[in-house]
Amino acid sequence: MANHTPGGELRAILPASAEVGSTAKHERFRAWAAQHSPRGYRCHQWRDLPPESFASVGVRINTVVLTLQKF
C-alpha cells in the first residue's frame, strides 16, 4: 500500500543538462519537477555541485542536485 502522507523529500543527482538543456524532454521534465519543488524554495530546487564532483570514479561531467517534495 502506498504511503500518501505529505512531506516526503527526494534528492537526485543529475547531469547539469537536466537543469539547462533545451530539448523538449528537458523542458517537460523541468515543468514536471517544478510541480514538486519544495514550497517556498523554488529558487533552491536545483543546486550545482562542484565541477567534476565524481571524477574520482570516472564521471567527468558537471552535476546538480534536484530536490523534490511530496505535498
C-alpha atoms as a PDB file:
ATOM      1  CA  MET A   1       0.000   0.000   0.000  1.00  0.00           C
ATOM      2  CA  ALA A   2       1.379   3.411  -0.969  1.00  0.00           C
ATOM      3  CA  ASN A   3       2.066   5.979   1.730  1.00  0.00           C
ATOM      4  CA  HIS A   4       0.126   9.170   0.991  1.00  0.00           C
ATOM      5  CA  THR A   5       1.496  11.215   3.871  1.00  0.00           C
ATOM      6  CA  PRO A   6       2.748  14.620   2.673  1.00  0.00           C
ATOM      7  CA  GLY A   7       6.206  15.879   3.433  1.00  0.00           C
ATOM      8  CA  GLY A   8       8.479  13.276   1.899  1.00  0.00           C
ATOM      9  CA  GLU A   9      11.578  14.574   0.147  1.00  0.00           C
ATOM     10  CA  LEU A  10      13.661  13.168  -2.703  1.00  0.00           C
ATOM     11  CA  ARG A  11      17.072  14.421  -3.755  1.00  0.00           C
ATOM     12  CA  ALA A  12      18.542  13.250  -7.028  1.00  0.00           C
ATOM     13  CA  ILE A  13      21.980  13.813  -8.520  1.00  0.00           C
ATOM     14  CA  LEU A  14      21.602  14.549 -12.218  1.00  0.00           C
ATOM     15  CA  PRO A  15      23.741  15.825 -15.080  1.00  0.00           C
ATOM     16  CA  ALA A  16      23.689  19.620 -15.291  1.00  0.00           C
ATOM     17  CA  SER A  17      21.875  19.303 -18.626  1.00  0.00           C
ATOM     18  CA  ALA A  18      18.737  18.329 -16.684  1.00  0.00           C
ATOM     19  CA  GLU A  19      18.592  21.899 -15.390  1.00  0.00           C
ATOM     20  CA  VAL A  20      19.716  23.790 -18.504  1.00  0.00           C
ATOM     21  CA  GLY A  21      19.118  21.501 -21.505  1.00  0.00           C
ATOM     22  CA  SER A  22      16.886  22.880 -24.242  1.00  0.00           C
ATOM     23  CA  THR A  23      15.305  19.742 -25.709  1.00  0.00           C
ATOM     24  CA  ALA A  24      11.584  19.146 -25.409  1.00  0.00           C
ATOM     25  CA  LYS A  25      12.281  16.289 -22.955  1.00  0.00           C
ATOM     26  CA  HIS A  26      14.357  18.580 -20.729  1.00  0.00           C
ATOM     27  CA  GLU A  27      11.624  21.205 -20.745  1.00  0.00           C
ATOM     28  CA  ARG A  28       8.875  18.667 -19.934  1.00  0.00           C
ATOM     29  CA  PHE A  29      10.977  17.226 -17.111  1.00  0.00           C
ATOM     30  CA  ARG A  30      11.603  20.665 -15.581  1.00  0.00           C
ATOM     31  CA  ALA A  31       7.880  21.530 -15.810  1.00  0.00           C
ATOM     32  CA  TRP A  32       7.030  18.273 -14.039  1.00  0.00           C
ATOM     33  CA  ALA A  33       9.734  18.828 -11.398  1.00  0.00           C
ATOM     34  CA  ALA A  34       8.514  22.386 -10.746  1.00  0.00           C
ATOM     35  CA  GLN A  35       5.195  20.930  -9.577  1.00  0.00           C
ATOM     36  CA  HIS A  36       7.078  19.064  -6.841  1.00  0.00           C
ATOM     37  CA  SER A  37       9.597  21.672  -5.740  1.00  0.00           C
ATOM     38  CA  PRO A  38       9.660  22.405  -2.005  1.00  0.00           C
ATOM     39  CA  ARG A  39       7.218  25.143  -1.049  1.00  0.00           C
ATOM     40  CA  GLY A  40       8.946  28.453  -0.679  1.00  0.00           C
ATOM     41  CA  TYR A  41      12.162  27.032  -2.101  1.00  0.00           C
ATOM     42  CA  ARG A  42      11.607  27.141  -5.860  1.00  0.00           C
ATOM     43  CA  CYS A  43      14.876  29.026  -6.310  1.00  0.00           C
ATOM     44  CA  HIS A  44      16.662  26.263  -4.355  1.00  0.00           C
ATOM     45  CA  GLN A  45      15.115  23.353  -6.258  1.00  0.00           C
ATOM     46  CA  TRP A  46      18.369  22.947  -8.233  1.00  0.00           C
ATOM     47  CA  ARG A  47      21.794  23.144  -6.591  1.00  0.00           C
ATOM     48  CA  ASP A  48      25.053  22.975  -8.544  1.00  0.00           C
ATOM     49  CA  LEU A  49      27.717  20.602  -7.288  1.00  0.00           C
ATOM     50  CA  PRO A  50      31.401  21.487  -7.696  1.00  0.00           C
ATOM     51  CA  PRO A  51      32.727  20.800 -11.234  1.00  0.00           C
ATOM     52  CA  GLU A  52      33.641  17.163 -11.836  1.00  0.00           C
ATOM     53  CA  SER A  53      32.483  16.126  -8.356  1.00  0.00           C
ATOM     54  CA  PHE A  54      32.597  12.461  -9.367  1.00  0.00           C
ATOM     55  CA  ALA A  55      35.893  12.491 -11.294  1.00  0.00           C
ATOM     56  CA  SER A  56      37.411  10.016  -8.825  1.00  0.00           C
ATOM     57  CA  VAL A  57      35.034   7.348 -10.151  1.00  0.00           C
ATOM     58  CA  GLY A  58      35.437   8.308 -13.814  1.00  0.00           C
ATOM     59  CA  VAL A  59      32.470  10.665 -14.213  1.00  0.00           C
ATOM     60  CA  ARG A  60      33.724  13.962 -15.599  1.00  0.00           C
ATOM     61  CA  ILE A  61      30.510  15.875 -16.170  1.00  0.00           C
ATOM     62  CA  ASN A  62      29.024  18.717 -14.179  1.00  0.00           C
ATOM     63  CA  THR A  63      26.201  17.654 -11.910  1.00  0.00           C
ATOM     64  CA  VAL A  64      23.329  19.176  -9.957  1.00  0.00           C
ATOM     65  CA  VAL A  65      21.142  18.096  -7.066  1.00  0.00           C
ATOM     66  CA  LEU A  66      17.403  18.271  -7.673  1.00  0.00           C
ATOM     67  CA  THR A  67      15.184  18.407  -4.575  1.00  0.00           C
ATOM     68  CA  LEU A  68      11.548  17.334  -4.886  1.00  0.00           C
ATOM     69  CA  GLN A  69       8.934  17.230  -2.160  1.00  0.00           C
ATOM     70  CA  LYS A  70       5.731  15.276  -1.758  1.00  0.00           C
ATOM     71  CA  PHE A  71       2.840  17.549  -0.777  1.00  0.00           C
END
